[in-house]
Amino acid sequence: MRDDRERLRDVLEAIERIEKYASRGRAAFLKDELVQTWILHHLIIIGEACRALSPAFRSINTDDIWIQAGDLRNVIVHHYFGVDPEVIWGVVERDLPNLKAKVVRLLGP
């Protein structure tokens, strides 16, 4: 079974993969279906990894961001064709940097 550090590394790797294509900007994201799919796929990975974090981890790291990532995963998976690209871009631009900083801090040097 994967431990919390491995899950956090999964989150970090997925964020870095999102950043690779998000760096092209909002307009590129909105017009390129493959980039949208790539980013959604990695947001699902982030959500799965966050949902699988242990109760012990969650009791120490009480940020809502872990729950929000899992909730976003559920929305993407269960309402795929109803997902608003503008909302997803907002998550990429606003929320992922915060999540990345938390994960990097938790993983340490």
PDB file of N, CA and C in Angstrom:
ATOM      1  N   MET A   1       0.836  -1.177   0.000  1.00  0.00           N
ATOM      2  CA  MET A   1       0.000   0.000   0.000  1.00  0.00           C
ATOM      3  C   MET A   1       0.888   1.249   0.000  1.00  0.00           C
ATOM      4  N   ARG A   2       0.456   2.254  -0.738  1.00  0.00           N
ATOM      5  CA  ARG A   2       1.223   3.486  -0.854  1.00  0.00           C
ATOM      6  C   ARG A   2       1.052   4.324   0.411  1.00  0.00           C
ATOM      7  N   ASP A   3       2.153   4.931   0.857  1.00  0.00           N
ATOM      8  CA  ASP A   3       2.058   5.761   2.052  1.00  0.00           C
ATOM      9  C   ASP A   3       1.794   7.216   1.671  1.00  0.00           C
ATOM     10  N   ASP A   4       1.640   8.049   2.679  1.00  0.00           N
ATOM     11  CA  ASP A   4       1.287   9.449   2.441  1.00  0.00           C
ATOM     12  C   ASP A   4       2.353  10.194   1.638  1.00  0.00           C
ATOM     13  N   ARG A   5       3.607   9.917   1.898  1.00  0.00           N
ATOM     14  CA  ARG A   5       4.679  10.595   1.140  1.00  0.00           C
ATOM     15  C   ARG A   5       4.595  10.241  -0.345  1.00  0.00           C
ATOM     16  N   GLU A   6       4.314   8.988  -0.641  1.00  0.00           N
ATOM     17  CA  GLU A   6       4.160   8.591  -2.047  1.00  0.00           C
ATOM     18  C   GLU A   6       2.960   9.293  -2.672  1.00  0.00           C
ATOM     19  N   ARG A   7       1.886   9.389  -1.936  1.00  0.00           N
ATOM     20  CA  ARG A   7       0.704  10.096  -2.435  1.00  0.00           C
ATOM     21  C   ARG A   7       1.021  11.564  -2.690  1.00  0.00           C
ATOM     22  N   LEU A   8       1.759  12.177  -1.769  1.00  0.00           N
ATOM     23  CA  LEU A   8       2.141  13.574  -1.963  1.00  0.00           C
ATOM     24  C   LEU A   8       3.051  13.738  -3.179  1.00  0.00           C
ATOM     25  N   ARG A   9       3.932  12.781  -3.389  1.00  0.00           N
ATOM     26  CA  ARG A   9       4.778  12.830  -4.596  1.00  0.00           C
ATOM     27  C   ARG A   9       3.927  12.682  -5.857  1.00  0.00           C
ATOM     28  N   ASP A  10       2.887  11.862  -5.791  1.00  0.00           N
ATOM     29  CA  ASP A  10       1.951  11.745  -6.924  1.00  0.00           C
ATOM     30  C   ASP A  10       1.293  13.092  -7.213  1.00  0.00           C
ATOM     31  N   VAL A  11       0.881  13.779  -6.160  1.00  0.00           N
ATOM     32  CA  VAL A  11       0.251  15.094  -6.317  1.00  0.00           C
ATOM     33  C   VAL A  11       1.234  16.060  -6.961  1.00  0.00           C
ATOM     34  N   LEU A  12       2.448  16.092  -6.440  1.00  0.00           N
ATOM     35  CA  LEU A  12       3.459  17.014  -6.971  1.00  0.00           C
ATOM     36  C   LEU A  12       3.757  16.727  -8.435  1.00  0.00           C
ATOM     37  N   GLU A  13       3.912  15.466  -8.780  1.00  0.00           N
ATOM     38  CA  GLU A  13       4.192  15.096 -10.172  1.00  0.00           C
ATOM     39  C   GLU A  13       3.036  15.508 -11.087  1.00  0.00           C
ATOM     40  N   ALA A  14       1.801  15.295 -10.651  1.00  0.00           N
ATOM     41  CA  ALA A  14       0.647  15.681 -11.467  1.00  0.00           C
ATOM     42  C   ALA A  14       0.585  17.201 -11.635  1.00  0.00           C
ATOM     43  N   ILE A  15       0.890  17.942 -10.586  1.00  0.00           N
ATOM     44  CA  ILE A  15       0.908  19.406 -10.684  1.00  0.00           C
ATOM     45  C   ILE A  15       1.970  19.838 -11.692  1.00  0.00           C
ATOM     46  N   GLU A  16       3.135  19.249 -11.618  1.00  0.00           N
ATOM     47  CA  GLU A  16       4.206  19.615 -12.546  1.00  0.00           C
ATOM     48  C   GLU A  16       3.823  19.287 -13.991  1.00  0.00           C
ATOM     49  N   ARG A  17       3.128  18.210 -14.189  1.00  0.00           N
ATOM     50  CA  ARG A  17       2.660  17.873 -15.548  1.00  0.00           C
ATOM     51  C   ARG A  17       1.600  18.865 -16.029  1.00  0.00           C
ATOM     52  N   ILE A  18       0.742  19.304 -15.135  1.00  0.00           N
ATOM     53  CA  ILE A  18      -0.237  20.330 -15.498  1.00  0.00           C
ATOM     54  C   ILE A  18       0.489  21.621 -15.858  1.00  0.00           C
ATOM     55  N   GLU A  19       1.450  22.006 -15.052  1.00  0.00           N
ATOM     56  CA  GLU A  19       2.186  23.250 -15.290  1.00  0.00           C
ATOM     57  C   GLU A  19       2.856  23.266 -16.662  1.00  0.00           C
ATOM     58  N   LYS A  20       3.292  22.109 -17.103  1.00  0.00           N
ATOM     59  CA  LYS A  20       3.966  21.997 -18.397  1.00  0.00           C
ATOM     60  C   LYS A  20       3.110  22.577 -19.523  1.00  0.00           C
ATOM     61  N   TYR A  21       1.812  22.302 -19.513  1.00  0.00           N
ATOM     62  CA  TYR A  21       0.931  22.786 -20.579  1.00  0.00           C
ATOM     63  C   TYR A  21       0.165  24.039 -20.187  1.00  0.00           C
ATOM     64  N   ALA A  22      -0.055  24.232 -18.907  1.00  0.00           N
ATOM     65  CA  ALA A  22      -0.734  25.450 -18.459  1.00  0.00           C
ATOM     66  C   ALA A  22       0.137  26.675 -18.723  1.00  0.00           C
ATOM     67  N   SER A  23       1.426  26.469 -18.819  1.00  0.00           N
ATOM     68  CA  SER A  23       2.334  27.588 -19.076  1.00  0.00           C
ATOM     69  C   SER A  23       2.054  28.247 -20.425  1.00  0.00           C
ATOM     70  N   ARG A  24       1.335  27.575 -21.284  1.00  0.00           N
ATOM     71  CA  ARG A  24       0.961  28.146 -22.586  1.00  0.00           C
ATOM     72  C   ARG A  24      -0.100  29.227 -22.440  1.00  0.00           C
ATOM     73  N   GLY A  25      -0.762  29.258 -21.299  1.00  0.00           N
ATOM     74  CA  GLY A  25      -1.733  30.308 -21.018  1.00  0.00           C
ATOM     75  C   GLY A  25      -3.179  29.882 -21.168  1.00  0.00           C
ATOM     76  N   ARG A  26      -4.039  30.759 -20.700  1.00  0.00           N
ATOM     77  CA  ARG A  26      -5.478  30.512 -20.676  1.00  0.00           C
ATOM     78  C   ARG A  26      -6.055  30.310 -22.070  1.00  0.00           C
ATOM     79  N   ALA A  27      -5.678  31.172 -23.001  1.00  0.00           N
ATOM     80  CA  ALA A  27      -6.239  31.082 -24.357  1.00  0.00           C
ATOM     81  C   ALA A  27      -5.904  29.737 -24.996  1.00  0.00           C
ATOM     82  N   ALA A  28      -4.674  29.286 -24.824  1.00  0.00           N
ATOM     83  CA  ALA A  28      -4.269  27.993 -25.382  1.00  0.00           C
ATOM     84  C   ALA A  28      -5.053  26.864 -24.726  1.00  0.00           C
ATOM     85  N   PHE A  29      -5.245  26.973 -23.422  1.00  0.00           N
ATOM     86  CA  PHE A  29      -6.013  25.956 -22.711  1.00  0.00           C
ATOM     87  C   PHE A  29      -7.454  25.899 -23.231  1.00  0.00           C
ATOM     88  N   LEU A  30      -8.076  27.052 -23.382  1.00  0.00           N
ATOM     89  CA  LEU A  30      -9.480  27.091 -23.786  1.00  0.00           C
ATOM     90  C   LEU A  30      -9.704  26.599 -25.207  1.00  0.00           C
ATOM     91  N   LYS A  31      -8.713  26.745 -26.069  1.00  0.00           N
ATOM     92  CA  LYS A  31      -8.937  26.342 -27.462  1.00  0.00           C
ATOM     93  C   LYS A  31      -8.418  24.939 -27.796  1.00  0.00           C
ATOM     94  N   ASP A  32      -7.661  24.328 -26.909  1.00  0.00           N
ATOM     95  CA  ASP A  32      -7.042  23.035 -27.213  1.00  0.00           C
ATOM     96  C   ASP A  32      -7.660  21.929 -26.355  1.00  0.00           C
ATOM     97  N   GLU A  33      -8.491  21.127 -26.977  1.00  0.00           N
ATOM     98  CA  GLU A  33      -9.181  20.045 -26.276  1.00  0.00           C
ATOM     99  C   GLU A  33      -8.204  19.028 -25.674  1.00  0.00           C
ATOM    100  N   LEU A  34      -7.103  18.780 -26.348  1.00  0.00           N
ATOM    101  CA  LEU A  34      -6.125  17.828 -25.812  1.00  0.00           C
ATOM    102  C   LEU A  34      -5.478  18.354 -24.538  1.00  0.00           C
ATOM    103  N   VAL A  35      -5.180  19.641 -24.497  1.00  0.00           N
ATOM    104  CA  VAL A  35      -4.607  20.232 -23.284  1.00  0.00           C
ATOM    105  C   VAL A  35      -5.637  20.191 -22.152  1.00  0.00           C
ATOM    106  N   GLN A  36      -6.880  20.477 -22.481  1.00  0.00           N
ATOM    107  CA  GLN A  36      -7.939  20.393 -21.454  1.00  0.00           C
ATOM    108  C   GLN A  36      -8.022  18.977 -20.888  1.00  0.00           C
ATOM    109  N   THR A  37      -8.007  18.003 -21.767  1.00  0.00           N
ATOM    110  CA  THR A  37      -8.092  16.601 -21.337  1.00  0.00           C
ATOM    111  C   THR A  37      -6.876  16.220 -20.497  1.00  0.00           C
ATOM    112  N   TRP A  38      -5.701  16.654 -20.909  1.00  0.00           N
ATOM    113  CA  TRP A  38      -4.455  16.391 -20.170  1.00  0.00           C
ATOM    114  C   TRP A  38      -4.574  16.946 -18.748  1.00  0.00           C
ATOM    115  N   ILE A  39      -5.007  18.185 -18.647  1.00  0.00           N
ATOM    116  CA  ILE A  39      -5.103  18.836 -17.341  1.00  0.00           C
ATOM    117  C   ILE A  39      -6.183  18.176 -16.482  1.00  0.00           C
ATOM    118  N   LEU A  40      -7.324  17.870 -17.071  1.00  0.00           N
ATOM    119  CA  LEU A  40      -8.377  17.182 -16.314  1.00  0.00           C
ATOM    120  C   LEU A  40      -7.894  15.830 -15.795  1.00  0.00           C
ATOM    121  N   HIS A  41      -7.190  15.105 -16.630  1.00  0.00           N
ATOM    122  CA  HIS A  41      -6.661  13.797 -16.229  1.00  0.00           C
ATOM    123  C   HIS A  41      -5.765  13.933 -14.992  1.00  0.00           C
ATOM    124  N   HIS A  42      -4.899  14.914 -15.014  1.00  0.00           N
ATOM    125  CA  HIS A  42      -3.982  15.076 -13.894  1.00  0.00           C
ATOM    126  C   HIS A  42      -4.673  15.649 -12.655  1.00  0.00           C
ATOM    127  N   LEU A  43      -5.729  16.424 -12.839  1.00  0.00           N
ATOM    128  CA  LEU A  43      -6.522  16.852 -11.691  1.00  0.00           C
ATOM    129  C   LEU A  43      -7.220  15.653 -11.039  1.00  0.00           C
ATOM    130  N   ILE A  44      -7.629  14.696 -11.844  1.00  0.00           N
ATOM    131  CA  ILE A  44      -8.212  13.457 -11.307  1.00  0.00           C
ATOM    132  C   ILE A  44      -7.165  12.707 -10.481  1.00  0.00           C
ATOM    133  N   ILE A  45      -5.954  12.620 -10.992  1.00  0.00           N
ATOM    134  CA  ILE A  45      -4.874  11.952 -10.240  1.00  0.00           C
ATOM    135  C   ILE A  45      -4.645  12.654  -8.909  1.00  0.00           C
ATOM    136  N   ILE A  46      -4.614  13.985  -8.936  1.00  0.00           N
ATOM    137  CA  ILE A  46      -4.432  14.749  -7.698  1.00  0.00           C
ATOM    138  C   ILE A  46      -5.568  14.438  -6.722  1.00  0.00           C
ATOM    139  N   GLY A  47      -6.778  14.439  -7.218  1.00  0.00           N
ATOM    140  CA  GLY A  47      -7.927  14.155  -6.358  1.00  0.00           C
ATOM    141  C   GLY A  47      -7.882  12.767  -5.758  1.00  0.00           C
ATOM    142  N   GLU A  48      -7.507  11.794  -6.575  1.00  0.00           N
ATOM    143  CA  GLU A  48      -7.392  10.409  -6.067  1.00  0.00           C
ATOM    144  C   GLU A  48      -6.321  10.318  -4.992  1.00  0.00           C
ATOM    145  N   ALA A  49      -5.183  10.933  -5.240  1.00  0.00           N
ATOM    146  CA  ALA A  49      -4.086  10.883  -4.268  1.00  0.00           C
ATOM    147  C   ALA A  49      -4.494  11.569  -2.961  1.00  0.00           C
ATOM    148  N   CYS A  50      -5.164  12.698  -3.069  1.00  0.00           N
ATOM    149  CA  CYS A  50      -5.598  13.418  -1.867  1.00  0.00           C
ATOM    150  C   CYS A  50      -6.658  12.635  -1.099  1.00  0.00           C
ATOM    151  N   ARG A  51      -7.554  11.999  -1.813  1.00  0.00           N
ATOM    152  CA  ARG A  51      -8.584  11.190  -1.151  1.00  0.00           C
ATOM    153  C   ARG A  51      -7.975  10.011  -0.403  1.00  0.00           C
ATOM    154  N   ALA A  52      -6.826   9.530  -0.873  1.00  0.00           N
ATOM    155  CA  ALA A  52      -6.205   8.345  -0.283  1.00  0.00           C
ATOM    156  C   ALA A  52      -5.247   8.674   0.861  1.00  0.00           C
ATOM    157  N   LEU A  53      -5.072   9.952   1.159  1.00  0.00           N
ATOM    158  CA  LEU A  53      -4.216  10.301   2.296  1.00  0.00           C
ATOM    159  C   LEU A  53      -4.816   9.732   3.571  1.00  0.00           C
ATOM    160  N   SER A  54      -3.960   9.295   4.455  1.00  0.00           N
ATOM    161  CA  SER A  54      -4.413   8.593   5.657  1.00  0.00           C
ATOM    162  C   SER A  54      -5.161   9.519   6.622  1.00  0.00           C
ATOM    163  N   PRO A  55      -6.005   8.914   7.451  1.00  0.00           N
ATOM    164  CA  PRO A  55      -6.670   9.703   8.501  1.00  0.00           C
ATOM    165  C   PRO A  55      -5.661  10.400   9.419  1.00  0.00           C
ATOM    166  N   ALA A  56      -4.538   9.757   9.687  1.00  0.00           N
ATOM    167  CA  ALA A  56      -3.509  10.373  10.533  1.00  0.00           C
ATOM    168  C   ALA A  56      -2.970  11.639   9.880  1.00  0.00           C
ATOM    169  N   PHE A  57      -2.701  11.566   8.579  1.00  0.00           N
ATOM    170  CA  PHE A  57      -2.222  12.736   7.846  1.00  0.00           C
ATOM    171  C   PHE A  57      -3.262  13.851   7.913  1.00  0.00           C
ATOM    172  N   ARG A  58      -4.500  13.496   7.660  1.00  0.00           N
ATOM    173  CA  ARG A  58      -5.577  14.501   7.634  1.00  0.00           C
ATOM    174  C   ARG A  58      -5.821  15.120   9.014  1.00  0.00           C
ATOM    175  N   SER A  59      -5.571  14.371  10.065  1.00  0.00           N
ATOM    176  CA  SER A  59      -5.775  14.934  11.409  1.00  0.00           C
ATOM    177  C   SER A  59      -4.704  15.970  11.743  1.00  0.00           C
ATOM    178  N   ILE A  60      -3.539  15.829  11.148  1.00  0.00           N
ATOM    179  CA  ILE A  60      -2.453  16.786  11.369  1.00  0.00           C
ATOM    180  C   ILE A  60      -2.534  17.935  10.368  1.00  0.00           C
ATOM    181  N   ASN A  61      -2.879  17.618   9.135  1.00  0.00           N
ATOM    182  CA  ASN A  61      -2.951  18.594   8.046  1.00  0.00           C
ATOM    183  C   ASN A  61      -4.423  18.832   7.722  1.00  0.00           C
ATOM    184  N   THR A  62      -5.008  19.746   8.448  1.00  0.00           N
ATOM    185  CA  THR A  62      -6.458  19.916   8.417  1.00  0.00           C
ATOM    186  C   THR A  62      -6.953  20.863   7.320  1.00  0.00           C
ATOM    187  N   ASP A  63      -6.073  21.271   6.420  1.00  0.00           N
ATOM    188  CA  ASP A  63      -6.482  22.166   5.334  1.00  0.00           C
ATOM    189  C   ASP A  63      -7.613  21.550   4.522  1.00  0.00           C
ATOM    190  N   ASP A  64      -8.552  22.375   4.130  1.00  0.00           N
ATOM    191  CA  ASP A  64      -9.659  21.920   3.287  1.00  0.00           C
ATOM    192  C   ASP A  64      -9.199  21.542   1.887  1.00  0.00           C
ATOM    193  N   ILE A  65      -7.997  21.935   1.521  1.00  0.00           N
ATOM    194  CA  ILE A  65      -7.526  21.718   0.150  1.00  0.00           C
ATOM    195  C   ILE A  65      -7.513  20.234  -0.219  1.00  0.00           C
ATOM    196  N   TRP A  66      -7.268  19.368   0.746  1.00  0.00           N
ATOM    197  CA  TRP A  66      -7.236  17.922   0.469  1.00  0.00           C
ATOM    198  C   TRP A  66      -8.633  17.429   0.119  1.00  0.00           C
ATOM    199  N   ILE A  67      -9.628  17.919   0.831  1.00  0.00           N
ATOM    200  CA  ILE A  67     -11.017  17.555   0.555  1.00  0.00           C
ATOM    201  C   ILE A  67     -11.472  18.163  -0.765  1.00  0.00           C
ATOM    202  N   GLN A  68     -11.113  19.422  -0.989  1.00  0.00           N
ATOM    203  CA  GLN A  68     -11.506  20.109  -2.220  1.00  0.00           C
ATOM    204  C   GLN A  68     -10.948  19.403  -3.455  1.00  0.00           C
ATOM    205  N   ALA A  69      -9.716  18.921  -3.357  1.00  0.00           N
ATOM    206  CA  ALA A  69      -9.117  18.199  -4.493  1.00  0.00           C
ATOM    207  C   ALA A  69      -9.905  16.925  -4.787  1.00  0.00           C
ATOM    208  N   GLY A  70     -10.293  16.207  -3.755  1.00  0.00           N
ATOM    209  CA  GLY A  70     -11.102  15.002  -3.944  1.00  0.00           C
ATOM    210  C   GLY A  70     -12.481  15.325  -4.490  1.00  0.00           C
ATOM    211  N   ASP A  71     -13.063  16.416  -4.009  1.00  0.00           N
ATOM    212  CA  ASP A  71     -14.382  16.829  -4.510  1.00  0.00           C
ATOM    213  C   ASP A  71     -14.306  17.213  -5.985  1.00  0.00           C
ATOM    214  N   LEU A  72     -13.241  17.927  -6.368  1.00  0.00           N
ATOM    215  CA  LEU A  72     -13.075  18.288  -7.775  1.00  0.00           C
ATOM    216  C   LEU A  72     -12.939  17.037  -8.628  1.00  0.00           C
ATOM    217  N   ARG A  73     -12.212  16.066  -8.147  1.00  0.00           N
ATOM    218  CA  ARG A  73     -12.078  14.796  -8.861  1.00  0.00           C
ATOM    219  C   ARG A  73     -13.449  14.189  -9.120  1.00  0.00           C
ATOM    220  N   ASN A  74     -14.313  14.206  -8.106  1.00  0.00           N
ATOM    221  CA  ASN A  74     -15.657  13.647  -8.260  1.00  0.00           C
ATOM    222  C   ASN A  74     -16.461  14.396  -9.311  1.00  0.00           C
ATOM    223  N   VAL A  75     -16.369  15.699  -9.309  1.00  0.00           N
ATOM    224  CA  VAL A  75     -17.085  16.499 -10.306  1.00  0.00           C
ATOM    225  C   VAL A  75     -16.596  16.152 -11.706  1.00  0.00           C
ATOM    226  N   ILE A  76     -15.286  16.099 -11.883  1.00  0.00           N
ATOM    227  CA  ILE A  76     -14.729  15.795 -13.209  1.00  0.00           C
ATOM    228  C   ILE A  76     -15.172  14.414 -13.670  1.00  0.00           C
ATOM    229  N   VAL A  77     -15.077  13.437 -12.803  1.00  0.00           N
ATOM    230  CA  VAL A  77     -15.382  12.060 -13.177  1.00  0.00           C
ATOM    231  C   VAL A  77     -16.877  11.847 -13.430  1.00  0.00           C
ATOM    232  N   HIS A  78     -17.709  12.437 -12.615  1.00  0.00           N
ATOM    233  CA  HIS A  78     -19.142  12.150 -12.694  1.00  0.00           C
ATOM    234  C   HIS A  78     -19.936  13.132 -13.547  1.00  0.00           C
ATOM    235  N   HIS A  79     -19.341  14.277 -13.846  1.00  0.00           N
ATOM    236  CA  HIS A  79     -20.031  15.293 -14.647  1.00  0.00           C
ATOM    237  C   HIS A  79     -19.112  15.782 -15.751  1.00  0.00           C
ATOM    238  N   TYR A  80     -18.392  14.853 -16.354  1.00  0.00           N
ATOM    239  CA  TYR A  80     -17.317  15.189 -17.281  1.00  0.00           C
ATOM    240  C   TYR A  80     -17.731  16.206 -18.337  1.00  0.00           C
ATOM    241  N   PHE A  81     -18.859  15.984 -18.983  1.00  0.00           N
ATOM    242  CA  PHE A  81     -19.261  16.880 -20.068  1.00  0.00           C
ATOM    243  C   PHE A  81     -19.862  18.179 -19.544  1.00  0.00           C
ATOM    244  N   GLY A  82     -20.102  18.245 -18.248  1.00  0.00           N
ATOM    245  CA  GLY A  82     -20.615  19.467 -17.656  1.00  0.00           C
ATOM    246  C   GLY A  82     -19.555  20.315 -16.985  1.00  0.00           C
ATOM    247  N   VAL A  83     -18.294  19.909 -17.114  1.00  0.00           N
ATOM    248  CA  VAL A  83     -17.207  20.640 -16.483  1.00  0.00           C
ATOM    249  C   VAL A  83     -16.940  21.919 -17.275  1.00  0.00           C
ATOM    250  N   ASP A  84     -16.903  23.035 -16.583  1.00  0.00           N
ATOM    251  CA  ASP A  84     -16.678  24.346 -17.200  1.00  0.00           C
ATOM    252  C   ASP A  84     -15.172  24.606 -17.304  1.00  0.00           C
ATOM    253  N   PRO A  85     -14.648  24.736 -18.518  1.00  0.00           N
ATOM    254  CA  PRO A  85     -13.210  24.987 -18.681  1.00  0.00           C
ATOM    255  C   PRO A  85     -12.730  26.245 -17.945  1.00  0.00           C
ATOM    256  N   GLU A  86     -13.579  27.251 -17.842  1.00  0.00           N
ATOM    257  CA  GLU A  86     -13.190  28.473 -17.117  1.00  0.00           C
ATOM    258  C   GLU A  86     -12.971  28.180 -15.631  1.00  0.00           C
ATOM    259  N   VAL A  87     -13.820  27.339 -15.073  1.00  0.00           N
ATOM    260  CA  VAL A  87     -13.666  26.957 -13.666  1.00  0.00           C
ATOM    261  C   VAL A  87     -12.370  26.167 -13.488  1.00  0.00           C
ATOM    262  N   ILE A  88     -12.118  25.250 -14.400  1.00  0.00           N
ATOM    263  CA  ILE A  88     -10.891  24.450 -14.324  1.00  0.00           C
ATOM    264  C   ILE A  88      -9.668  25.347 -14.433  1.00  0.00           C
ATOM    265  N   TRP A  89      -9.702  26.298 -15.343  1.00  0.00           N
ATOM    266  CA  TRP A  89      -8.569  27.212 -15.473  1.00  0.00           C
ATOM    267  C   TRP A  89      -8.362  27.995 -14.177  1.00  0.00           C
ATOM    268  N   GLY A  90      -9.445  28.391 -13.543  1.00  0.00           N
ATOM    269  CA  GLY A  90      -9.335  29.076 -12.257  1.00  0.00           C
ATOM    270  C   GLY A  90      -8.645  28.221 -11.207  1.00  0.00           C
ATOM    271  N   VAL A  91      -8.971  26.941 -11.196  1.00  0.00           N
ATOM    272  CA  VAL A  91      -8.317  26.010 -10.270  1.00  0.00           C
ATOM    273  C   VAL A  91      -6.821  25.941 -10.571  1.00  0.00           C
ATOM    274  N   VAL A  92      -6.491  25.815 -11.837  1.00  0.00           N
ATOM    275  CA  VAL A  92      -5.082  25.719 -12.250  1.00  0.00           C
ATOM    276  C   VAL A  92      -4.324  26.979 -11.849  1.00  0.00           C
ATOM    277  N   GLU A  93      -4.919  28.103 -12.110  1.00  0.00           N
ATOM    278  CA  GLU A  93      -4.245  29.380 -11.879  1.00  0.00           C
ATOM    279  C   GLU A  93      -4.215  29.778 -10.407  1.00  0.00           C
ATOM    280  N   ARG A  94      -5.296  29.546  -9.693  1.00  0.00           N
ATOM    281  CA  ARG A  94      -5.444  30.041  -8.333  1.00  0.00           C
ATOM    282  C   ARG A  94      -5.099  28.995  -7.271  1.00  0.00           C
ATOM    283  N   ASP A  95      -5.554  27.757  -7.451  1.00  0.00           N
ATOM    284  CA  ASP A  95      -5.466  26.761  -6.383  1.00  0.00           C
ATOM    285  C   ASP A  95      -4.233  25.864  -6.453  1.00  0.00           C
ATOM    286  N   LEU A  96      -3.794  25.525  -7.661  1.00  0.00           N
ATOM    287  CA  LEU A  96      -2.654  24.604  -7.759  1.00  0.00           C
ATOM    288  C   LEU A  96      -1.362  25.173  -7.178  1.00  0.00           C
ATOM    289  N   PRO A  97      -1.056  26.453  -7.361  1.00  0.00           N
ATOM    290  CA  PRO A  97       0.171  26.967  -6.732  1.00  0.00           C
ATOM    291  C   PRO A  97       0.146  26.807  -5.211  1.00  0.00           C
ATOM    292  N   ASN A  98      -1.001  27.028  -4.598  1.00  0.00           N
ATOM    293  CA  ASN A  98      -1.144  26.859  -3.152  1.00  0.00           C
ATOM    294  C   ASN A  98      -0.959  25.396  -2.755  1.00  0.00           C
ATOM    295  N   LEU A  99      -1.590  24.498  -3.492  1.00  0.00           N
ATOM    296  CA  LEU A  99      -1.441  23.067  -3.210  1.00  0.00           C
ATOM    297  C   LEU A  99       0.012  22.630  -3.392  1.00  0.00           C
ATOM    298  N   LYS A 100       0.628  23.101  -4.468  1.00  0.00           N
ATOM    299  CA  LYS A 100       2.029  22.736  -4.716  1.00  0.00           C
ATOM    300  C   LYS A 100       2.923  23.196  -3.569  1.00  0.00           C
ATOM    301  N   ALA A 101       2.726  24.419  -3.104  1.00  0.00           N
ATOM    302  CA  ALA A 101       3.540  24.936  -1.997  1.00  0.00           C
ATOM    303  C   ALA A 101       3.368  24.082  -0.744  1.00  0.00           C
ATOM    304  N   LYS A 102       2.143  23.671  -0.451  1.00  0.00           N
ATOM    305  CA  LYS A 102       1.890  22.822   0.723  1.00  0.00           C
ATOM    306  C   LYS A 102       2.585  21.471   0.584  1.00  0.00           C
ATOM    307  N   VAL A 103       2.479  20.891  -0.606  1.00  0.00           N
ATOM    308  CA  VAL A 103       3.085  19.575  -0.822  1.00  0.00           C
ATOM    309  C   VAL A 103       4.607  19.654  -0.733  1.00  0.00           C
ATOM    310  N   VAL A 104       5.181  20.661  -1.358  1.00  0.00           N
ATOM    311  CA  VAL A 104       6.637  20.827  -1.319  1.00  0.00           C
ATOM    312  C   VAL A 104       7.095  21.005   0.144  1.00  0.00           C
ATOM    313  N   ARG A 105       6.367  21.821   0.897  1.00  0.00           N
ATOM    314  CA  ARG A 105       6.713  22.029   2.297  1.00  0.00           C
ATOM    315  C   ARG A 105       6.625  20.720   3.085  1.00  0.00           C
ATOM    316  N   LEU A 106       5.581  19.937   2.833  1.00  0.00           N
ATOM    317  CA  LEU A 106       5.406  18.678   3.562  1.00  0.00           C
ATOM    318  C   LEU A 106       6.454  17.636   3.182  1.00  0.00           C
ATOM    319  N   LEU A 107       6.842  17.613   1.925  1.00  0.00           N
ATOM    320  CA  LEU A 107       7.852  16.643   1.491  1.00  0.00           C
ATOM    321  C   LEU A 107       9.248  17.021   1.967  1.00  0.00           C
ATOM    322  N   GLY A 108       9.458  18.335   2.131  1.00  0.00           N
ATOM    323  CA  GLY A 108      10.760  18.800   2.607  1.00  0.00           C
ATOM    324  C   GLY A 108      11.870  18.560   1.615  1.00  0.00           C
ATOM    325  N   PRO A 109      13.086  18.864   2.059  1.00  0.00           N
ATOM    326  CA  PRO A 109      14.251  18.723   1.155  1.00  0.00           C
ATOM    327  C   PRO A 109      14.584  17.285   0.810  1.00  0.00           C
TER     328      PRO A 109
END
